[in-house]
Amino acid sequence: MSLQVDHRQLYRLPWNLADNAITWLEPTTKCNLYCEGCYRENDPQGHKPLEQVIEELQTVKRLRNTDGISIAGGEPLLYPHILELVRYVADQGWKPIVNTNGRALTPELVAKLLSAGVVGFTFHVDSHQNRPGWKGKSEEDLNELRLKLARMVYKHGKGKIAVAFNATIYRDTLDDIPMLVNWAQENIEFVNTIVFILFRSATTKADYEGWVHGKKVDLSELVYTFEREVSPKDIVAQEVIDRIQTVFPDYQPCGYLNGTEDVSAFKWLVGLRFGNPKRMLGCMDPKLMELAQTAHHVVWRTYLAYTSPRLMRNAGVILPVGLINKSLARVAKNYLAHPGGWGEPLRMQAIMIIQPCDIQPDGRQSMCDGCPDIIAHDGRLVWSCRVDELQKFGGFVSFGPREGGAQQSPAQSA
């Protein structure tokens, strides 16, 4: 068992509702997959008019300072105006990031999106997606698909497009994390970031009732209900840290976002490691993360999202910062101590953990404080993961303990 990570020893990322690294955008709710962990209803008629999407972006511009726009859905590559949208986002001075399952991606589309200004792809690939041709395959089997997508973007994006992989983590895939961490290291040249999103479902809240505007609502109407999830215990970030450290003992996160109701919860947890496919040499410390975020905000007036993939592949250029930063000094020392690796460029790779909404014992919902995945909806900024509640019930659901039910949070129960 690894040591408990103390949030007070990390850098609390300065992201907030008005000033954030990323903002969410959904031009469509149409998708070519039906993922078990998805919180958005798959609507075959879900394409929004481009004018409406631009209006939502204007709401973002009016209300929120942001570095990147995550273009999601639905499946954004099915959106008929995706190239125009990416170009528009880039023209506003934002970084366009496409969040996709990759099924509709082709080498030709990669090249066109690069020309339009895309800076990153975040691929969602996991074993609970009901993906045609991959049903019944394990997380390890899916590494073949992950590598195919990463290499496609690297080749046809001319090495200019960042590549990240998301995987929703369920109880039955929690122990696959060490394998995925090793795979990411082996392919550090092509894979800049790997993200573990911890599964949440309304159906695990069996001891709670939902209310909107004083009226009880039927939680089964929400998309993020999942009848097959049998464990009543929600996964928390520390469990993922424990798995990561079984294969990478030196893993240390450096930045985090806390919960709105639980200050010690790691809702977004960021760690960056340095090394090459054969050896990891150390991690970025909180001070260096603070320096990077602060410097970016001073120079560009935004908090940093999606570091250039060229810098991620050639991280040796920042080693001189080790003169004022202990973590980089250790990386440089370890690099020099292994001359056999001097011919291999020093790479940098991010490992992130996202812990969605947690229900407190009294029914309060602990959201991500300073959440990057905020979306413009009806002229205001709201949590993208809870838009379904607004659409179904006209307001956000409040939870209360069911009469006669247990008073313990699912994340704390056995």
Protein backbone atom coordinates (compact mmCIF):
# COMPACT_ATOMS: atom_id res chain seq x y z
CA MET A 1 0.00 0.00 0.00
CA SER A 2 1.37 3.42 -0.93
CA LEU A 3 1.43 6.39 1.42
CA GLN A 4 -1.67 8.56 1.62
CA VAL A 5 -1.29 11.68 -0.49
CA ASP A 6 -1.94 14.85 1.53
CA HIS A 7 -3.64 17.60 -0.46
CA ARG A 8 -1.94 20.24 1.69
CA GLN A 9 1.43 19.20 0.26
CA LEU A 10 0.31 19.74 -3.35
CA TYR A 11 -0.32 22.82 -5.47
CA ARG A 12 -3.97 23.70 -5.51
CA LEU A 13 -4.54 24.58 -9.16
CA PRO A 14 -5.86 28.16 -9.41
CA TRP A 15 -8.58 27.28 -11.92
CA ASN A 16 -12.03 28.65 -11.14
CA LEU A 17 -15.38 29.31 -12.80
CA ALA A 18 -14.30 32.61 -14.36
CA ASP A 19 -10.68 31.77 -15.23
CA ASN A 20 -9.77 28.23 -16.23
CA ALA A 21 -7.44 26.18 -18.39
CA ILE A 22 -10.23 24.43 -20.33
CA THR A 23 -13.91 24.86 -21.18
CA TRP A 24 -16.30 22.20 -22.50
CA LEU A 25 -18.29 22.40 -25.74
CA GLU A 26 -20.86 19.94 -27.15
CA PRO A 27 -21.82 20.68 -30.78
CA THR A 28 -23.65 17.36 -31.00
CA THR A 29 -25.12 14.61 -28.84
CA LYS A 30 -25.10 12.11 -31.69
CA CYS A 31 -22.59 9.31 -31.17
CA ASN A 32 -21.45 6.13 -32.89
CA LEU A 33 -20.99 4.28 -29.57
CA TYR A 34 -23.12 3.59 -26.51
CA CYS A 35 -20.57 3.68 -23.68
CA GLU A 36 -21.73 2.33 -20.34
CA GLY A 37 -20.20 5.20 -18.39
CA CYS A 38 -21.53 8.06 -20.54
CA TYR A 39 -23.70 10.75 -18.96
CA ARG A 40 -25.05 12.12 -22.25
CA GLU A 41 -28.07 10.72 -24.12
CA ASN A 42 -27.20 9.52 -27.61
CA ASP A 43 -29.51 11.47 -29.92
CA PRO A 44 -29.32 10.61 -33.66
CA GLN A 45 -30.76 14.09 -34.36
CA GLY A 46 -28.45 15.77 -31.89
CA HIS A 47 -26.44 18.06 -34.18
CA LYS A 48 -26.75 21.71 -33.15
CA PRO A 49 -26.77 24.43 -35.81
CA LEU A 50 -23.32 25.97 -36.11
CA GLU A 51 -24.82 29.36 -35.25
CA GLN A 52 -26.04 27.99 -31.90
CA VAL A 53 -22.63 26.53 -31.10
CA ILE A 54 -20.95 29.85 -31.91
CA GLU A 55 -23.47 31.59 -29.66
CA GLU A 56 -22.46 29.23 -26.84
CA LEU A 57 -18.81 30.07 -27.48
CA GLN A 58 -19.68 33.76 -27.28
CA THR A 59 -21.20 33.07 -23.86
CA VAL A 60 -17.92 31.47 -22.85
CA LYS A 61 -15.97 34.45 -24.19
CA ARG A 62 -18.16 36.82 -22.20
CA LEU A 63 -18.04 34.90 -18.92
CA ARG A 64 -14.86 32.86 -18.78
CA ASN A 65 -11.16 33.27 -19.45
CA THR A 66 -9.87 30.00 -20.94
CA ASP A 67 -6.86 28.52 -22.72
CA GLY A 68 -8.47 25.56 -24.47
CA ILE A 69 -11.89 24.44 -25.71
CA SER A 70 -12.64 20.72 -25.40
CA ILE A 71 -14.92 19.91 -28.33
CA ALA A 72 -16.88 16.87 -27.18
CA GLY A 73 -20.34 15.36 -27.48
CA GLY A 74 -21.67 12.98 -28.51
CA GLU A 75 -18.99 12.22 -31.05
CA PRO A 76 -17.65 15.53 -32.39
CA LEU A 77 -16.13 13.98 -35.51
CA LEU A 78 -19.67 13.19 -36.69
CA TYR A 79 -20.56 16.88 -36.52
CA PRO A 80 -20.93 18.12 -40.12
CA HIS A 81 -19.30 21.48 -39.32
CA ILE A 82 -16.37 20.17 -37.28
CA LEU A 83 -13.70 21.78 -39.49
CA GLU A 84 -15.41 25.17 -39.45
CA LEU A 85 -15.88 24.88 -35.69
CA VAL A 86 -12.24 24.03 -35.00
CA ARG A 87 -11.16 26.92 -37.22
CA TYR A 88 -13.51 29.30 -35.40
CA VAL A 89 -12.20 28.22 -31.99
CA ALA A 90 -8.61 28.70 -33.13
CA ASP A 91 -9.44 32.13 -34.56
CA GLN A 92 -10.63 33.23 -31.11
CA GLY A 93 -7.18 32.51 -29.72
CA TRP A 94 -8.25 29.32 -27.95
CA LYS A 95 -6.67 25.89 -28.31
CA PRO A 96 -9.14 23.50 -30.03
CA ILE A 97 -9.06 20.04 -28.44
CA VAL A 98 -11.18 17.24 -29.91
CA ASN A 99 -12.54 14.69 -27.42
CA THR A 100 -13.34 11.63 -29.52
CA ASN A 101 -13.70 7.86 -29.40
CA GLY A 102 -11.67 7.76 -32.62
CA ARG A 103 -14.01 5.58 -34.68
CA ALA A 104 -14.58 8.25 -37.33
CA LEU A 105 -10.98 9.45 -37.48
CA THR A 106 -9.02 8.96 -40.69
CA PRO A 107 -5.54 10.09 -41.75
CA GLU A 108 -7.16 12.57 -44.12
CA LEU A 109 -9.30 14.05 -41.35
CA VAL A 110 -6.27 14.39 -39.06
CA ALA A 111 -4.53 16.45 -41.74
CA LYS A 112 -7.60 18.63 -42.32
CA LEU A 113 -8.07 19.24 -38.60
CA LEU A 114 -4.41 20.17 -38.28
CA SER A 115 -4.86 22.75 -41.03
CA ALA A 116 -7.96 24.05 -39.23
CA GLY A 117 -5.90 24.61 -36.08
CA VAL A 118 -6.51 21.63 -33.79
CA VAL A 119 -3.87 21.29 -31.06
CA GLY A 120 -4.95 18.08 -29.35
CA PHE A 121 -6.94 14.86 -29.48
CA THR A 122 -8.26 13.23 -26.34
CA PHE A 123 -9.28 9.68 -27.20
CA HIS A 124 -11.73 7.84 -24.97
CA VAL A 125 -10.95 4.14 -25.20
CA ASP A 126 -11.96 1.53 -22.63
CA SER A 127 -13.46 -1.93 -22.40
CA HIS A 128 -16.98 -0.77 -21.41
CA GLN A 129 -17.75 1.07 -24.65
CA ASN A 130 -19.50 -1.72 -26.59
CA ARG A 131 -17.14 -0.81 -29.43
CA PRO A 132 -17.85 -2.79 -32.64
CA GLY A 133 -15.02 -5.18 -33.37
CA TRP A 134 -13.70 -4.88 -29.82
CA LYS A 135 -16.56 -6.21 -27.69
CA GLY A 136 -15.32 -8.54 -25.00
CA LYS A 137 -11.75 -7.32 -25.40
CA SER A 138 -9.68 -6.46 -22.35
CA GLU A 139 -7.98 -3.16 -21.59
CA GLU A 140 -4.72 -4.78 -22.61
CA ASP A 141 -6.23 -5.91 -25.93
CA LEU A 142 -7.34 -2.33 -26.56
CA ASN A 143 -3.74 -1.11 -26.43
CA GLU A 144 -3.53 -2.16 -30.07
CA LEU A 145 -6.26 0.34 -30.93
CA ARG A 146 -4.77 3.04 -28.71
CA LEU A 147 -1.40 2.76 -30.40
CA LYS A 148 -2.96 2.78 -33.87
CA LEU A 149 -4.75 6.05 -33.07
CA ALA A 150 -1.68 7.62 -31.48
CA ARG A 151 0.55 6.73 -34.42
CA MET A 152 -2.03 8.02 -36.91
CA VAL A 153 -2.14 11.41 -35.21
CA TYR A 154 1.64 11.54 -34.86
CA LYS A 155 2.23 10.76 -38.53
CA HIS A 156 -0.52 12.76 -40.20
CA GLY A 157 -0.46 15.54 -37.61
CA LYS A 158 3.27 15.97 -38.29
CA GLY A 159 4.06 15.64 -34.60
CA LYS A 160 2.25 18.91 -33.86
CA ILE A 161 -0.91 17.51 -32.22
CA ALA A 162 -1.02 16.45 -28.56
CA VAL A 163 -2.42 12.98 -27.83
CA ALA A 164 -4.21 11.99 -24.63
CA PHE A 165 -6.12 8.84 -23.72
CA ASN A 166 -9.05 8.68 -21.31
CA ALA A 167 -10.31 5.47 -19.76
CA THR A 168 -13.31 5.23 -17.46
CA ILE A 169 -12.25 3.04 -14.55
CA TYR A 170 -14.72 0.54 -13.09
CA ARG A 171 -14.24 -1.90 -10.23
CA ASP A 172 -13.51 -4.66 -12.72
CA THR A 173 -10.82 -2.61 -14.51
CA LEU A 174 -9.19 -0.93 -11.51
CA ASP A 175 -6.37 -3.47 -11.49
CA ASP A 176 -5.62 -2.77 -15.16
CA ILE A 177 -4.18 0.62 -14.22
CA PRO A 178 -0.58 -0.61 -13.68
CA MET A 179 -0.61 -2.19 -17.14
CA LEU A 180 -1.93 1.03 -18.70
CA VAL A 181 0.72 3.10 -16.91
CA ASN A 182 3.44 0.82 -18.27
CA TRP A 183 1.93 0.94 -21.76
CA ALA A 184 1.91 4.75 -21.65
CA GLN A 185 5.59 4.76 -20.70
CA GLU A 186 6.49 2.37 -23.51
CA ASN A 187 4.79 4.73 -25.97
CA ILE A 188 5.77 8.03 -24.37
CA GLU A 189 6.90 9.39 -27.75
CA PHE A 190 3.33 9.26 -29.07
CA VAL A 191 1.24 9.45 -25.88
CA ASN A 192 1.45 12.74 -24.00
CA THR A 193 -1.23 12.15 -21.37
CA ILE A 194 -3.21 9.31 -19.85
CA VAL A 195 -6.34 10.05 -17.82
CA PHE A 196 -8.24 7.75 -15.46
CA ILE A 197 -11.88 8.81 -14.98
CA LEU A 198 -13.53 7.11 -12.01
CA PHE A 199 -16.96 5.71 -12.79
CA ARG A 200 -20.02 7.21 -11.13
CA SER A 201 -23.67 6.22 -11.52
CA ALA A 202 -26.98 7.44 -10.15
CA THR A 203 -27.94 3.82 -9.45
CA THR A 204 -25.21 3.47 -6.82
CA LYS A 205 -27.06 6.06 -4.73
CA ALA A 206 -29.58 3.49 -3.49
CA ASP A 207 -29.82 5.07 -0.04
CA TYR A 208 -30.76 8.48 -1.45
CA GLU A 209 -33.72 10.12 -3.11
CA GLY A 210 -33.52 12.87 -5.71
CA TRP A 211 -35.38 16.15 -5.54
CA VAL A 212 -35.69 19.13 -7.90
CA HIS A 213 -37.50 22.32 -6.83
CA GLY A 214 -39.02 20.46 -3.89
CA LYS A 215 -40.42 17.61 -6.00
CA LYS A 216 -39.18 14.03 -5.94
CA VAL A 217 -37.75 12.84 -9.28
CA ASP A 218 -37.14 9.42 -10.77
CA LEU A 219 -33.37 8.96 -10.97
CA SER A 220 -33.78 6.10 -13.45
CA GLU A 221 -34.57 8.73 -16.10
CA LEU A 222 -30.97 9.93 -15.99
CA VAL A 223 -28.58 8.63 -18.62
CA TYR A 224 -25.84 7.88 -16.11
CA THR A 225 -27.74 5.00 -14.52
CA PHE A 226 -25.99 1.68 -14.82
CA GLU A 227 -27.73 -1.47 -13.74
CA ARG A 228 -24.71 -3.76 -14.20
CA GLU A 229 -22.46 -1.97 -11.70
CA VAL A 230 -22.73 -4.24 -8.67
CA SER A 231 -20.31 -2.60 -6.23
CA PRO A 232 -21.89 0.04 -3.95
CA LYS A 233 -18.45 1.52 -3.27
CA ASP A 234 -17.31 4.35 -5.52
CA ILE A 235 -13.65 4.32 -6.51
CA VAL A 236 -11.61 7.23 -5.12
CA ALA A 237 -8.37 8.76 -6.37
CA GLN A 238 -6.15 7.25 -3.67
CA GLU A 239 -7.00 3.77 -4.93
CA VAL A 240 -5.69 4.74 -8.36
CA ILE A 241 -2.54 6.23 -6.85
CA ASP A 242 -1.97 2.94 -5.04
CA ARG A 243 -2.16 1.01 -8.33
CA ILE A 244 0.10 3.45 -10.18
CA GLN A 245 2.77 3.18 -7.52
CA THR A 246 2.94 -0.60 -7.81
CA VAL A 247 4.74 -0.14 -11.15
CA PHE A 248 5.97 3.42 -10.75
CA PRO A 249 6.87 3.83 -7.05
CA ASP A 250 8.20 7.36 -7.59
CA TYR A 251 4.87 8.65 -8.90
CA GLN A 252 3.91 11.83 -7.10
CA PRO A 253 1.09 14.13 -8.19
CA CYS A 254 1.83 17.84 -8.14
CA GLY A 255 -1.48 19.67 -8.62
CA TYR A 256 -5.13 19.12 -7.77
CA LEU A 257 -8.65 20.46 -7.57
CA ASN A 258 -10.63 19.74 -4.40
CA GLY A 259 -14.31 19.00 -3.96
CA THR A 260 -16.92 21.68 -3.36
CA GLU A 261 -18.03 19.88 -0.19
CA ASP A 262 -14.92 17.82 0.64
CA VAL A 263 -11.77 19.93 0.65
CA SER A 264 -9.49 16.89 0.97
CA ALA A 265 -10.95 15.04 -2.03
CA PHE A 266 -8.85 14.87 -5.20
CA LYS A 267 -11.36 15.70 -7.91
CA TRP A 268 -8.70 16.47 -10.52
CA LEU A 269 -5.23 15.18 -9.75
CA VAL A 270 -2.30 15.94 -12.05
CA GLY A 271 1.15 14.37 -12.12
CA LEU A 272 3.92 14.78 -14.71
CA ARG A 273 6.80 12.36 -15.07
CA PHE A 274 10.09 12.58 -16.96
CA GLY A 275 11.92 9.75 -18.67
CA ASN A 276 11.94 7.52 -21.72
CA PRO A 277 10.40 4.17 -22.69
CA LYS A 278 12.96 2.26 -20.60
CA ARG A 279 13.33 4.37 -17.47
CA MET A 280 11.43 7.03 -15.54
CA LEU A 281 13.69 9.62 -13.90
CA GLY A 282 11.35 11.57 -11.65
CA CYS A 283 8.23 13.72 -11.36
CA MET A 284 7.42 17.40 -11.45
CA ASP A 285 6.94 18.84 -7.97
CA PRO A 286 4.19 21.27 -6.86
CA LYS A 287 6.54 24.27 -7.06
CA LEU A 288 7.32 23.66 -10.72
CA MET A 289 3.64 23.21 -11.55
CA GLU A 290 2.91 26.48 -9.76
CA LEU A 291 5.68 28.20 -11.72
CA ALA A 292 4.35 26.86 -15.04
CA GLN A 293 0.74 27.88 -14.39
CA THR A 294 1.66 31.29 -13.00
CA ALA A 295 4.14 32.13 -15.77
CA HIS A 296 1.64 31.14 -18.46
CA HIS A 297 -1.01 33.34 -16.88
CA VAL A 298 1.39 36.29 -16.60
CA VAL A 299 2.48 36.02 -20.24
CA TRP A 300 -0.69 34.80 -22.01
CA ARG A 301 -3.33 35.66 -19.38
CA THR A 302 -4.63 32.08 -19.29
CA TYR A 303 -3.85 29.04 -17.18
CA LEU A 304 -2.04 26.39 -19.16
CA ALA A 305 -3.81 23.55 -20.96
CA TYR A 306 -2.21 21.07 -23.35
CA THR A 307 1.53 21.70 -23.41
CA SER A 308 3.08 21.52 -26.88
CA PRO A 309 3.76 17.87 -27.84
CA ARG A 310 7.15 18.93 -29.16
CA LEU A 311 8.09 20.15 -25.68
CA MET A 312 6.67 16.95 -24.17
CA ARG A 313 8.93 14.92 -26.47
CA ASN A 314 11.98 17.12 -25.86
CA ALA A 315 11.69 17.99 -22.19
CA GLY A 316 15.45 18.21 -21.82
CA VAL A 317 15.25 21.85 -22.90
CA ILE A 318 13.74 22.78 -19.53
CA LEU A 319 16.41 21.01 -17.44
CA PRO A 320 18.24 24.33 -16.81
CA VAL A 321 15.24 25.27 -14.65
CA GLY A 322 16.71 22.66 -12.30
CA LEU A 323 19.01 25.44 -11.09
CA ILE A 324 16.01 26.83 -9.19
CA ASN A 325 13.79 23.73 -8.89
CA LYS A 326 14.62 20.63 -6.86
CA SER A 327 12.48 18.18 -8.83
CA LEU A 328 14.12 19.06 -12.15
CA ALA A 329 17.52 18.98 -10.49
CA ARG A 330 16.80 15.38 -9.41
CA VAL A 331 15.66 14.50 -12.93
CA ALA A 332 18.88 15.96 -14.37
CA LYS A 333 20.97 14.06 -11.81
CA ASN A 334 19.21 10.78 -12.63
CA TYR A 335 19.60 11.45 -16.35
CA LEU A 336 23.36 11.99 -16.01
CA ALA A 337 23.66 8.90 -13.79
CA HIS A 338 22.49 6.65 -16.64
CA PRO A 339 24.76 7.40 -19.65
CA GLY A 340 23.24 4.49 -21.55
CA GLY A 341 20.13 6.64 -22.03
CA TRP A 342 21.87 9.81 -23.18
CA GLY A 343 21.03 9.05 -26.79
CA GLU A 344 17.30 8.95 -25.97
CA PRO A 345 15.47 12.30 -25.75
CA LEU A 346 14.05 13.15 -22.34
CA ARG A 347 10.25 12.93 -22.53
CA MET A 348 7.52 14.31 -20.30
CA GLN A 349 4.14 12.63 -19.76
CA ALA A 350 1.09 13.52 -17.69
CA ILE A 351 -0.91 11.07 -15.58
CA MET A 352 -4.26 12.43 -14.45
CA ILE A 353 -7.08 11.18 -12.25
CA ILE A 354 -10.61 12.60 -12.35
CA GLN A 355 -12.97 11.76 -9.49
CA PRO A 356 -16.50 12.94 -10.41
CA CYS A 357 -19.40 13.81 -8.14
CA ASP A 358 -19.39 12.30 -4.65
CA ILE A 359 -22.49 12.15 -2.45
CA GLN A 360 -21.92 13.14 1.17
CA PRO A 361 -23.73 11.31 4.01
CA ASP A 362 -26.38 14.05 4.24
CA GLY A 363 -26.94 14.07 0.47
CA ARG A 364 -24.79 17.06 -0.45
CA GLN A 365 -22.97 16.59 -3.75
CA SER A 366 -19.26 17.32 -3.81
CA MET A 367 -18.45 18.54 -7.31
CA CYS A 368 -15.10 19.54 -8.83
CA ASP A 369 -14.26 22.96 -7.38
CA GLY A 370 -12.92 24.96 -10.33
CA CYS A 371 -14.04 22.32 -12.82
CA PRO A 372 -12.52 22.65 -16.32
CA ASP A 373 -15.42 20.76 -17.91
CA ILE A 374 -17.86 23.64 -17.56
CA ILE A 375 -20.25 24.20 -20.48
CA ALA A 376 -22.37 27.12 -21.65
CA HIS A 377 -26.04 26.19 -21.32
CA ASP A 378 -28.93 28.64 -21.79
CA GLY A 379 -26.63 31.62 -21.36
CA ARG A 380 -24.88 30.47 -18.19
CA LEU A 381 -22.01 28.21 -17.20
CA VAL A 382 -22.90 24.81 -15.70
CA TRP A 383 -21.30 21.43 -15.03
CA SER A 384 -21.24 19.49 -18.29
CA CYS A 385 -21.70 16.18 -16.46
CA ARG A 386 -25.04 17.38 -15.07
CA VAL A 387 -26.69 18.99 -18.09
CA ASP A 388 -28.82 15.84 -18.31
CA GLU A 389 -30.49 16.87 -15.03
CA LEU A 390 -31.37 20.31 -16.38
CA GLN A 391 -32.84 18.80 -19.54
CA LYS A 392 -34.83 16.06 -17.78
CA PHE A 393 -36.00 17.87 -14.65
CA GLY A 394 -35.48 21.58 -15.24
CA GLY A 395 -32.93 21.89 -12.47
CA PHE A 396 -30.06 20.19 -10.70
CA VAL A 397 -30.96 17.19 -8.56
CA SER A 398 -30.52 17.50 -4.80
CA PHE A 399 -30.04 14.25 -2.91
CA GLY A 400 -31.42 13.39 0.50
CA PRO A 401 -31.15 10.18 2.52
CA ARG A 402 -34.01 7.81 1.77
CA GLU A 403 -36.30 7.28 4.73
CA GLY A 404 -35.09 4.19 6.55
CA GLY A 405 -31.94 4.03 4.40
CA ALA A 406 -28.33 4.01 5.52
CA GLN A 407 -26.71 7.36 6.25
CA GLN A 408 -23.32 6.55 4.76
CA SER A 409 -21.83 7.87 1.55
CA PRO A 410 -21.35 5.27 -1.21
CA ALA A 411 -17.72 6.39 -1.45
CA GLN A 412 -17.22 5.49 2.21
CA SER A 413 -19.28 2.33 2.50
CA ALA A 414 -17.81 -1.13 2.20
